[in-house]
Structures are given as C-alpha cells and as structure tokens.
Amino acid sequence: MTVKIIAIDACTGCESCVDACPCEVLEVKDEKVVIVQVDECVDCGACVEECPNDVLEVEE
C-alpha cells in the first residue's frame, strides 16, 4: 500500500497533508501536493484524514 494522489486539481496547496505526515513523504510545489518519498510511506492515512479536499487516498 502507498499514498496516491487522486484529485490533483482539487489541491489548494494548504499543506495540511504535509504537516500531518509523520514520514515527510509529501511536499507542496507550485501550490500542489507532490509525493517525494513514496518508499518512506508507512500507510498511516494521516494525510488522507487531514486533506480537506479529498485529494489523497491510501492505495491497497
């Protein structure tokens, strides 16, 4: 499993997901979320829960 971006157009760059991620897997670049270290993802779902726009999901 890993985190996946499912609705990039809905991303506002608020950084809620970045702040919630304990593994520093995500960054915001050009006002959109980017997965920068997918191999470090522990599938905790913290980023998904914090995103107000349902941009992310944990893929099984």
Protein backbone atom coordinates (compact mmCIF):
# COMPACT_ATOMS: atom_id res chain seq x y z
CA MET A 1 0.00 0.00 0.00
CA THR A 2 1.02 3.58 -0.51
CA VAL A 3 -0.39 7.08 -0.63
CA LYS A 4 -1.75 8.14 -4.01
CA ILE A 5 -2.89 11.48 -5.43
CA ILE A 6 -6.40 11.00 -6.85
CA ALA A 7 -7.64 14.57 -7.42
CA ILE A 8 -4.72 16.94 -8.01
CA ASP A 9 -6.99 19.63 -9.45
CA ALA A 10 -8.75 19.86 -6.08
CA CYS A 11 -5.47 20.55 -4.25
CA THR A 12 -5.20 24.10 -2.93
CA GLY A 13 -1.68 23.77 -1.54
CA CYS A 14 -2.85 24.25 2.05
CA GLU A 15 -0.14 21.87 3.35
CA SER A 16 -2.47 20.11 5.81
CA CYS A 17 -1.35 16.75 4.46
CA VAL A 18 2.32 17.74 4.61
CA ASP A 19 2.01 18.78 8.24
CA ALA A 20 0.15 15.57 9.14
CA CYS A 21 2.63 13.18 7.53
CA PRO A 22 4.99 11.71 10.16
CA CYS A 23 7.41 10.45 7.49
CA GLU A 24 7.82 13.63 5.42
CA VAL A 25 6.61 11.86 2.27
CA LEU A 26 4.76 14.89 0.87
CA GLU A 27 5.70 18.40 -0.21
CA VAL A 28 3.82 21.24 -1.85
CA LYS A 29 5.39 22.53 -5.05
CA ASP A 30 3.77 25.12 -7.30
CA GLU A 31 0.74 25.11 -4.96
CA LYS A 32 0.05 21.38 -5.44
CA VAL A 33 0.92 18.35 -3.31
CA VAL A 34 3.71 16.10 -4.58
CA ILE A 35 4.78 12.70 -3.28
CA VAL A 36 8.54 13.00 -2.91
CA GLN A 37 9.49 9.86 -0.96
CA VAL A 38 6.89 7.19 -1.73
CA ASP A 39 9.16 4.44 -0.38
CA GLU A 40 9.09 6.08 3.06
CA CYS A 41 5.27 5.99 3.31
CA VAL A 42 4.02 3.85 6.22
CA ASP A 43 0.39 3.87 5.05
CA CYS A 44 -0.89 5.52 8.23
CA GLY A 45 -3.52 7.59 6.38
CA ALA A 46 -2.83 10.75 8.38
CA CYS A 47 -2.51 12.80 5.20
CA VAL A 48 -5.80 11.46 3.83
CA GLU A 49 -7.65 12.31 7.04
CA GLU A 50 -6.28 15.88 7.13
CA CYS A 51 -6.89 16.79 3.48
CA PRO A 52 -10.00 19.00 3.32
CA ASN A 53 -10.42 18.38 -0.43
CA ASP A 54 -10.10 14.59 -0.69
CA VAL A 55 -7.00 14.83 -2.88
CA LEU A 56 -5.27 11.74 -1.45
CA GLU A 57 -6.04 8.11 -0.70
CA VAL A 58 -4.10 5.14 0.62
CA GLU A 59 -3.96 2.64 -2.21
CA GLU A 60 -4.20 -1.04 -1.28
